[in-house]
Each structure stands twice: as structure tokens, then as C-alpha cells.
Amino acid sequence: MKMRFSSRSGMTLMELVVALVITGMMAMMGTMTLGSIIDHRRVIRSSTGELERASALRDQIRTWMLAGTVQIVSGGATRGLGRTGAAVQTLTIATPTIPGMPGSSSSTTNGITAAVAAGDEITFVTTAPTLADAPSVRMRLFVDGDASTPETGLTLEYQASTATPLQRVQLEPSIGVLRVEFLDQRTNQWYESTQAAAITPIAVKLTMQPYDGGRLPGILQLPLIFPMGTLLVGR
């Protein structure tokens, strides 16, 4: 007796529907995964760029300070603190510009006046390279709290000499607090900048923080500490 085996080719309608559903789900999952990868790459690129800018700003401030001299107002006179190759700071006004820094602007009018600072500030004379193209430049670092100026956040004012106009540049708009402290040689304690004239400073510390509710790369929130050399009397 012969047996016949039947075979069917193709798919039933139900099998086709199931196959299409599975294929659609797999395609959708692939699209979501690809979108997630793209989003993560964007975040990484953004974070990397932000970190690079923060590092560049921190390094620039260090360069200025390490080649600078700090002056502290005392009884109407000015005391200069500094040493060759060491950190230098000052409580006055002046600044250099940072090439390519977003939001930067410069004032070229001779009649420009210093902006109002929101909190602490530090002024120093630096011999580090600046756009002022001068052997030494007077710089003022502060958080701009002046409503009449276009700059916001950490700002720099600089002037190569009294014969040149004061110029201003915005360094980082997200920095809302600049704290300046001095280390006293006698007590080995940190004092606010307003008390600097009454102590013998041997170091200066700059601490930057964001505005309330804002964010700032952690590298910019790490304190910058500079040793101060032999006390010099200046005018």
C-alpha cells in the first residue's frame, strides 16, 4: 500500500500577521536603541565641551595669578604681595581678555567706568601674556552685579596703563559667586578679603560657585590656592 505525504508551502494568514508584528516590534526597538545612542553621544559631546571650557578658564586664571602681584589697600596706601614666579593677587580693578570666550565683549570708550561687583573681587597686576600686549596689565576679577553692563557672571576688567581705556570681558556667565580669602601667617586661618589689610597674608584662595539653582562644572568649584611671597610696599 502506498502512503501519501502532503506538504504545504507558504504561510497562513495568521502566521504572516504574527511575523509582521514581530518584525515591527524589532524594528521599533532598534530605532529606540539607535535614538538612545545618538542622545547619549550628544550628551557626552556637550559634557566634554563644557569640561574643556571650564578647564581652559581655570588654567587661564592660574596663569594670570601665578605671574601676578596682589595689592591690598591699607590705610589709604597699597601693599603689594608677590614674588617672582609665584602667585599674585590684588584688591583693585583691571583685566585681560580671553580669545574666543563665548559672550565676551570689550569696551573701547575712554570714559568707561568700573562695573559694580556682586560680592568679593580681586585685583592684581600680571606679567602673563594678555591681549593687551603689554609687559604688565592691571586686572580685576569679579562677579558682575551691575545692571547697566551687558556682562553677567564672572567678569574681568583690565587696563594696560592709565593712558589706555578700561576694557571688560565676560568669562563665565554661570558663575554667580566669587569668594576671596587670605591665609594669615600668624593664626594660620583663612580670613575674608575685607580683613586682608589687618593680617599678614601668606596665601590667597579663590572659590567659585554657581548662581542659586544653577549648575557649574565641578572643576570650577574646586578652590584655587596661591602662595604669596615676601610682603612688598607699593603705591
C-alpha atoms as a PDB file:
ATOM      1  CA  MET A   1       0.000   0.000   0.000  1.00  0.00           C
ATOM      2  CA  LYS A   2       1.316   3.391  -0.924  1.00  0.00           C
ATOM      3  CA  MET A   3       1.311   6.204   1.599  1.00  0.00           C
ATOM      4  CA  ARG A   4       0.986   9.781   0.514  1.00  0.00           C
ATOM      5  CA  PHE A   5       2.612  12.583   2.411  1.00  0.00           C
ATOM      6  CA  SER A   6       1.122  16.016   1.998  1.00  0.00           C
ATOM      7  CA  SER A   7       3.241  19.118   2.360  1.00  0.00           C
ATOM      8  CA  ARG A   8       2.115  22.673   2.367  1.00  0.00           C
ATOM      9  CA  SER A   9       4.148  25.574   1.185  1.00  0.00           C
ATOM     10  CA  GLY A  10       3.845  29.214   2.265  1.00  0.00           C
ATOM     11  CA  MET A  11       2.331  30.714   5.396  1.00  0.00           C
ATOM     12  CA  THR A  12      -1.164  31.030   6.677  1.00  0.00           C
ATOM     13  CA  LEU A  13      -2.630  34.499   7.161  1.00  0.00           C
ATOM     14  CA  MET A  14      -2.261  34.223  10.937  1.00  0.00           C
ATOM     15  CA  GLU A  15       1.427  33.259  10.676  1.00  0.00           C
ATOM     16  CA  LEU A  16       2.043  36.189   8.341  1.00  0.00           C
ATOM     17  CA  VAL A  17       0.389  38.623  10.736  1.00  0.00           C
ATOM     18  CA  VAL A  18       2.428  37.299  13.676  1.00  0.00           C
ATOM     19  CA  ALA A  19       5.646  37.552  11.655  1.00  0.00           C
ATOM     20  CA  LEU A  20       4.850  41.157  10.668  1.00  0.00           C
ATOM     21  CA  VAL A  21       4.086  42.111  14.268  1.00  0.00           C
ATOM     22  CA  ILE A  22       7.366  40.610  15.500  1.00  0.00           C
ATOM     23  CA  THR A  23       9.316  42.323  12.718  1.00  0.00           C
ATOM     24  CA  GLY A  24       7.655  45.645  13.528  1.00  0.00           C
ATOM     25  CA  MET A  25       8.457  45.320  17.218  1.00  0.00           C
ATOM     26  CA  MET A  26      12.089  44.510  16.453  1.00  0.00           C
ATOM     27  CA  ALA A  27      12.343  47.496  14.082  1.00  0.00           C
ATOM     28  CA  MET A  28      10.816  49.791  16.714  1.00  0.00           C
ATOM     29  CA  MET A  29      13.231  48.540  19.398  1.00  0.00           C
ATOM     30  CA  GLY A  30      16.147  49.057  17.020  1.00  0.00           C
ATOM     31  CA  THR A  31      15.020  52.622  16.309  1.00  0.00           C
ATOM     32  CA  MET A  32      14.655  53.392  20.018  1.00  0.00           C
ATOM     33  CA  THR A  33      18.095  51.952  20.742  1.00  0.00           C
ATOM     34  CA  LEU A  34      19.672  53.984  17.948  1.00  0.00           C
ATOM     35  CA  GLY A  35      17.944  57.127  19.174  1.00  0.00           C
ATOM     36  CA  SER A  36      19.194  56.481  22.699  1.00  0.00           C
ATOM     37  CA  ILE A  37      22.759  56.019  21.431  1.00  0.00           C
ATOM     38  CA  ILE A  38      22.566  59.280  19.471  1.00  0.00           C
ATOM     39  CA  ASP A  39      21.177  61.138  22.501  1.00  0.00           C
ATOM     40  CA  HIS A  40      23.942  59.763  24.718  1.00  0.00           C
ATOM     41  CA  ARG A  41      26.578  60.804  22.191  1.00  0.00           C
ATOM     42  CA  ARG A  42      25.149  64.332  22.167  1.00  0.00           C
ATOM     43  CA  VAL A  43      25.250  64.466  25.967  1.00  0.00           C
ATOM     44  CA  ILE A  44      28.832  63.200  26.003  1.00  0.00           C
ATOM     45  CA  ARG A  45      29.914  65.741  23.386  1.00  0.00           C
ATOM     46  CA  SER A  46      28.166  68.547  25.276  1.00  0.00           C
ATOM     47  CA  SER A  47      29.675  67.485  28.608  1.00  0.00           C
ATOM     48  CA  THR A  48      33.133  67.163  27.073  1.00  0.00           C
ATOM     49  CA  GLY A  49      32.921  70.636  25.551  1.00  0.00           C
ATOM     50  CA  GLU A  50      31.705  72.105  28.828  1.00  0.00           C
ATOM     51  CA  LEU A  51      34.517  70.444  30.745  1.00  0.00           C
ATOM     52  CA  GLU A  52      37.102  71.645  28.242  1.00  0.00           C
ATOM     53  CA  ARG A  53      35.885  75.247  28.538  1.00  0.00           C
ATOM     54  CA  ALA A  54      35.889  75.009  32.337  1.00  0.00           C
ATOM     55  CA  SER A  55      39.425  73.594  32.353  1.00  0.00           C
ATOM     56  CA  ALA A  56      40.620  76.310  29.971  1.00  0.00           C
ATOM     57  CA  LEU A  57      39.152  79.046  32.174  1.00  0.00           C
ATOM     58  CA  ARG A  58      40.669  77.576  35.335  1.00  0.00           C
ATOM     59  CA  ASP A  59      44.086  77.279  33.647  1.00  0.00           C
ATOM     60  CA  GLN A  60      43.868  80.849  32.355  1.00  0.00           C
ATOM     61  CA  ILE A  61      43.138  82.228  35.826  1.00  0.00           C
ATOM     62  CA  ARG A  62      46.041  80.229  37.249  1.00  0.00           C
ATOM     63  CA  THR A  63      48.367  81.602  34.565  1.00  0.00           C
ATOM     64  CA  TRP A  64      47.390  85.183  35.320  1.00  0.00           C
ATOM     65  CA  MET A  65      47.675  84.725  39.066  1.00  0.00           C
ATOM     66  CA  LEU A  66      50.971  82.868  39.065  1.00  0.00           C
ATOM     67  CA  ALA A  67      52.523  85.728  37.121  1.00  0.00           C
ATOM     68  CA  GLY A  68      50.803  88.444  39.118  1.00  0.00           C
ATOM     69  CA  THR A  69      51.163  90.634  42.178  1.00  0.00           C
ATOM     70  CA  VAL A  70      48.359  91.256  44.648  1.00  0.00           C
ATOM     71  CA  GLN A  71      47.805  94.674  46.173  1.00  0.00           C
ATOM     72  CA  ILE A  72      45.877  95.181  49.364  1.00  0.00           C
ATOM     73  CA  VAL A  73      44.561  98.591  50.348  1.00  0.00           C
ATOM     74  CA  SER A  74      45.699  99.553  53.827  1.00  0.00           C
ATOM     75  CA  GLY A  75      45.146 102.950  55.433  1.00  0.00           C
ATOM     76  CA  GLY A  76      44.894 104.738  52.102  1.00  0.00           C
ATOM     77  CA  ALA A  77      48.106 103.180  50.824  1.00  0.00           C
ATOM     78  CA  THR A  78      48.546  99.993  48.807  1.00  0.00           C
ATOM     79  CA  ARG A  79      50.518  96.975  49.882  1.00  0.00           C
ATOM     80  CA  GLY A  80      51.778  94.684  47.176  1.00  0.00           C
ATOM     81  CA  LEU A  81      52.187  90.993  47.799  1.00  0.00           C
ATOM     82  CA  GLY A  82      54.133  88.822  45.450  1.00  0.00           C
ATOM     83  CA  ARG A  83      57.265  87.046  44.375  1.00  0.00           C
ATOM     84  CA  THR A  84      58.792  86.132  41.076  1.00  0.00           C
ATOM     85  CA  GLY A  85      57.200  83.011  39.630  1.00  0.00           C
ATOM     86  CA  ALA A  86      54.670  82.826  42.470  1.00  0.00           C
ATOM     87  CA  ALA A  87      51.000  83.670  42.739  1.00  0.00           C
ATOM     88  CA  VAL A  88      49.929  87.270  42.745  1.00  0.00           C
ATOM     89  CA  GLN A  89      46.614  88.952  43.615  1.00  0.00           C
ATOM     90  CA  THR A  90      45.192  92.421  44.274  1.00  0.00           C
ATOM     91  CA  LEU A  91      42.043  94.115  45.535  1.00  0.00           C
ATOM     92  CA  THR A  92      41.574  96.638  42.728  1.00  0.00           C
ATOM     93  CA  ILE A  93      40.409  96.887  39.105  1.00  0.00           C
ATOM     94  CA  ALA A  94      41.832  95.739  35.760  1.00  0.00           C
ATOM     95  CA  THR A  95      41.592  92.793  33.327  1.00  0.00           C
ATOM     96  CA  PRO A  96      42.796  90.946  30.171  1.00  0.00           C
ATOM     97  CA  THR A  97      40.622  89.262  27.580  1.00  0.00           C
ATOM     98  CA  ILE A  98      40.246  85.596  26.701  1.00  0.00           C
ATOM     99  CA  PRO A  99      40.279  84.879  22.964  1.00  0.00           C
ATOM    100  CA  GLY A 100      37.198  83.117  21.677  1.00  0.00           C
ATOM    101  CA  MET A 101      35.446  83.106  25.047  1.00  0.00           C
ATOM    102  CA  PRO A 102      31.661  82.988  24.401  1.00  0.00           C
ATOM    103  CA  GLY A 103      29.755  86.091  25.408  1.00  0.00           C
ATOM    104  CA  SER A 104      32.873  88.206  25.607  1.00  0.00           C
ATOM    105  CA  SER A 105      32.774  91.887  24.865  1.00  0.00           C
ATOM    106  CA  SER A 106      35.208  94.696  25.254  1.00  0.00           C
ATOM    107  CA  SER A 107      34.735  98.373  25.956  1.00  0.00           C
ATOM    108  CA  THR A 108      36.810 100.778  23.964  1.00  0.00           C
ATOM    109  CA  THR A 109      35.409 104.061  25.178  1.00  0.00           C
ATOM    110  CA  ASN A 110      37.853 106.080  27.239  1.00  0.00           C
ATOM    111  CA  GLY A 111      35.041 107.132  29.550  1.00  0.00           C
ATOM    112  CA  ILE A 112      34.116 103.595  30.642  1.00  0.00           C
ATOM    113  CA  THR A 113      33.879 103.131  34.384  1.00  0.00           C
ATOM    114  CA  ALA A 114      34.384 100.051  36.520  1.00  0.00           C
ATOM    115  CA  ALA A 115      31.363  97.779  36.915  1.00  0.00           C
ATOM    116  CA  VAL A 116      29.763  97.106  40.277  1.00  0.00           C
ATOM    117  CA  ALA A 117      30.785  93.783  41.782  1.00  0.00           C
ATOM    118  CA  ALA A 118      28.369  91.389  43.448  1.00  0.00           C
ATOM    119  CA  GLY A 119      30.415  90.216  46.429  1.00  0.00           C
ATOM    120  CA  ASP A 120      34.180  89.688  46.594  1.00  0.00           C
ATOM    121  CA  GLU A 121      36.657  90.792  43.969  1.00  0.00           C
ATOM    122  CA  ILE A 122      40.400  90.616  43.489  1.00  0.00           C
ATOM    123  CA  THR A 123      42.742  92.920  41.621  1.00  0.00           C
ATOM    124  CA  PHE A 124      46.280  92.102  40.573  1.00  0.00           C
ATOM    125  CA  VAL A 125      48.987  93.127  38.153  1.00  0.00           C
ATOM    126  CA  THR A 126      50.116  90.270  35.922  1.00  0.00           C
ATOM    127  CA  THR A 127      53.046  89.835  33.585  1.00  0.00           C
ATOM    128  CA  ALA A 128      51.460  86.847  31.871  1.00  0.00           C
ATOM    129  CA  PRO A 129      50.605  87.208  28.155  1.00  0.00           C
ATOM    130  CA  THR A 130      47.306  89.011  27.533  1.00  0.00           C
ATOM    131  CA  LEU A 131      45.533  90.632  24.600  1.00  0.00           C
ATOM    132  CA  ALA A 132      46.584  93.988  25.979  1.00  0.00           C
ATOM    133  CA  ASP A 133      50.027  93.270  24.502  1.00  0.00           C
ATOM    134  CA  ALA A 134      51.833  94.968  27.377  1.00  0.00           C
ATOM    135  CA  PRO A 135      54.597  93.780  29.740  1.00  0.00           C
ATOM    136  CA  SER A 136      52.245  94.127  32.711  1.00  0.00           C
ATOM    137  CA  VAL A 137      48.497  94.528  32.947  1.00  0.00           C
ATOM    138  CA  ARG A 138      46.267  95.523  35.823  1.00  0.00           C
ATOM    139  CA  MET A 139      43.346  93.104  36.163  1.00  0.00           C
ATOM    140  CA  ARG A 140      40.198  92.901  38.263  1.00  0.00           C
ATOM    141  CA  LEU A 141      38.320  89.618  38.675  1.00  0.00           C
ATOM    142  CA  PHE A 142      34.741  89.802  39.998  1.00  0.00           C
ATOM    143  CA  VAL A 143      31.120  88.733  39.546  1.00  0.00           C
ATOM    144  CA  ASP A 144      29.333  91.484  37.636  1.00  0.00           C
ATOM    145  CA  GLY A 145      26.330  92.721  39.569  1.00  0.00           C
ATOM    146  CA  ASP A 146      25.924  95.915  37.544  1.00  0.00           C
ATOM    147  CA  ALA A 147      22.585  96.141  35.743  1.00  0.00           C
ATOM    148  CA  SER A 148      23.977  98.795  33.392  1.00  0.00           C
ATOM    149  CA  THR A 149      26.587  96.454  31.859  1.00  0.00           C
ATOM    150  CA  PRO A 150      25.916  93.622  29.372  1.00  0.00           C
ATOM    151  CA  GLU A 151      28.247  91.192  31.167  1.00  0.00           C
ATOM    152  CA  THR A 152      26.996  88.703  33.747  1.00  0.00           C
ATOM    153  CA  GLY A 153      28.695  86.141  35.953  1.00  0.00           C
ATOM    154  CA  LEU A 154      32.460  86.012  36.348  1.00  0.00           C
ATOM    155  CA  THR A 155      33.881  89.068  34.627  1.00  0.00           C
ATOM    156  CA  LEU A 156      37.294  90.535  34.037  1.00  0.00           C
ATOM    157  CA  GLU A 157      38.284  94.186  33.676  1.00  0.00           C
ATOM    158  CA  TYR A 158      41.773  95.084  32.524  1.00  0.00           C
ATOM    159  CA  GLN A 159      43.886  98.088  31.696  1.00  0.00           C
ATOM    160  CA  ALA A 160      47.471  98.103  30.443  1.00  0.00           C
ATOM    161  CA  SER A 161      48.077 101.639  31.726  1.00  0.00           C
ATOM    162  CA  THR A 162      46.247 104.772  32.809  1.00  0.00           C
ATOM    163  CA  ALA A 163      46.694 106.038  29.257  1.00  0.00           C
ATOM    164  CA  THR A 164      44.658 103.172  27.773  1.00  0.00           C
ATOM    165  CA  PRO A 165      40.901 102.619  28.108  1.00  0.00           C
ATOM    166  CA  LEU A 166      39.482 100.183  30.639  1.00  0.00           C
ATOM    167  CA  GLN A 167      38.169  97.038  28.948  1.00  0.00           C
ATOM    168  CA  ARG A 168      35.769  94.392  30.149  1.00  0.00           C
ATOM    169  CA  VAL A 169      35.147  90.760  29.182  1.00  0.00           C
ATOM    170  CA  GLN A 170      32.658  88.157  30.383  1.00  0.00           C
ATOM    171  CA  LEU A 171      34.442  84.964  31.383  1.00  0.00           C
ATOM    172  CA  GLU A 172      31.710  82.610  32.599  1.00  0.00           C
ATOM    173  CA  PRO A 173      28.054  83.687  32.972  1.00  0.00           C
ATOM    174  CA  SER A 174      27.103  80.668  35.125  1.00  0.00           C
ATOM    175  CA  ILE A 175      29.455  81.695  37.967  1.00  0.00           C
ATOM    176  CA  GLY A 176      27.398  83.673  40.469  1.00  0.00           C
ATOM    177  CA  VAL A 177      29.711  83.702  43.489  1.00  0.00           C
ATOM    178  CA  LEU A 178      33.398  84.543  43.812  1.00  0.00           C
ATOM    179  CA  ARG A 179      34.835  84.171  47.304  1.00  0.00           C
ATOM    180  CA  VAL A 180      38.283  85.593  48.058  1.00  0.00           C
ATOM    181  CA  GLU A 181      40.084  84.579  51.258  1.00  0.00           C
ATOM    182  CA  PHE A 182      43.569  85.190  52.643  1.00  0.00           C
ATOM    183  CA  LEU A 183      45.612  82.909  54.902  1.00  0.00           C
ATOM    184  CA  ASP A 184      47.116  84.679  57.894  1.00  0.00           C
ATOM    185  CA  GLN A 185      50.703  83.795  58.743  1.00  0.00           C
ATOM    186  CA  ARG A 186      50.230  84.308  62.477  1.00  0.00           C
ATOM    187  CA  THR A 187      46.982  82.413  63.090  1.00  0.00           C
ATOM    188  CA  ASN A 188      47.149  80.035  60.116  1.00  0.00           C
ATOM    189  CA  GLN A 189      43.463  80.761  59.486  1.00  0.00           C
ATOM    190  CA  TRP A 190      41.618  81.973  56.410  1.00  0.00           C
ATOM    191  CA  TYR A 191      40.093  85.460  56.528  1.00  0.00           C
ATOM    192  CA  GLU A 192      37.681  87.266  54.240  1.00  0.00           C
ATOM    193  CA  SER A 193      39.149  89.721  51.743  1.00  0.00           C
ATOM    194  CA  THR A 194      37.758  92.657  53.754  1.00  0.00           C
ATOM    195  CA  GLN A 195      40.096  91.666  56.612  1.00  0.00           C
ATOM    196  CA  ALA A 196      43.197  91.194  54.463  1.00  0.00           C
ATOM    197  CA  ALA A 197      44.697  94.570  55.391  1.00  0.00           C
ATOM    198  CA  ALA A 198      44.683  93.659  59.081  1.00  0.00           C
ATOM    199  CA  ILE A 199      46.630  90.393  58.741  1.00  0.00           C
ATOM    200  CA  THR A 200      49.852  89.127  57.184  1.00  0.00           C
ATOM    201  CA  PRO A 201      48.668  87.135  54.145  1.00  0.00           C
ATOM    202  CA  ILE A 202      50.796  84.218  53.002  1.00  0.00           C
ATOM    203  CA  ALA A 203      48.285  82.704  50.572  1.00  0.00           C
ATOM    204  CA  VAL A 204      45.104  83.601  48.741  1.00  0.00           C
ATOM    205  CA  LYS A 205      42.186  81.313  47.894  1.00  0.00           C
ATOM    206  CA  LEU A 206      39.576  81.807  45.180  1.00  0.00           C
ATOM    207  CA  THR A 207      36.353  79.803  45.291  1.00  0.00           C
ATOM    208  CA  MET A 208      33.712  79.992  42.563  1.00  0.00           C
ATOM    209  CA  GLN A 209      30.126  78.776  42.778  1.00  0.00           C
ATOM    210  CA  PRO A 210      27.063  78.903  40.502  1.00  0.00           C
ATOM    211  CA  TYR A 211      24.058  81.158  40.930  1.00  0.00           C
ATOM    212  CA  ASP A 212      21.303  79.790  43.164  1.00  0.00           C
ATOM    213  CA  GLY A 213      19.631  76.951  41.305  1.00  0.00           C
ATOM    214  CA  GLY A 214      22.326  76.934  38.623  1.00  0.00           C
ATOM    215  CA  ARG A 215      24.967  74.370  37.774  1.00  0.00           C
ATOM    216  CA  LEU A 216      28.702  74.633  37.301  1.00  0.00           C
ATOM    217  CA  PRO A 217      31.325  72.021  36.311  1.00  0.00           C
ATOM    218  CA  GLY A 218      32.946  70.572  39.419  1.00  0.00           C
ATOM    219  CA  ILE A 219      36.423  71.559  38.232  1.00  0.00           C
ATOM    220  CA  LEU A 220      35.480  75.241  38.512  1.00  0.00           C
ATOM    221  CA  GLN A 221      34.170  74.790  42.049  1.00  0.00           C
ATOM    222  CA  LEU A 222      37.490  73.450  43.312  1.00  0.00           C
ATOM    223  CA  PRO A 223      39.311  76.226  45.228  1.00  0.00           C
ATOM    224  CA  LEU A 224      42.317  77.865  43.589  1.00  0.00           C
ATOM    225  CA  ILE A 225      45.068  78.481  46.168  1.00  0.00           C
ATOM    226  CA  PHE A 226      48.180  80.550  45.513  1.00  0.00           C
ATOM    227  CA  PRO A 227      51.115  81.135  47.892  1.00  0.00           C
ATOM    228  CA  MET A 228      52.115  84.740  48.446  1.00  0.00           C
ATOM    229  CA  GLY A 229      55.770  85.703  48.808  1.00  0.00           C
ATOM    230  CA  THR A 230      57.552  88.450  50.652  1.00  0.00           C
ATOM    231  CA  LEU A 231      55.402  91.439  51.568  1.00  0.00           C
ATOM    232  CA  LEU A 232      56.305  94.464  49.475  1.00  0.00           C
ATOM    233  CA  VAL A 233      55.213  98.038  49.996  1.00  0.00           C
ATOM    234  CA  GLY A 234      53.685  99.537  46.879  1.00  0.00           C
ATOM    235  CA  ARG A 235      51.714 102.599  45.827  1.00  0.00           C
END
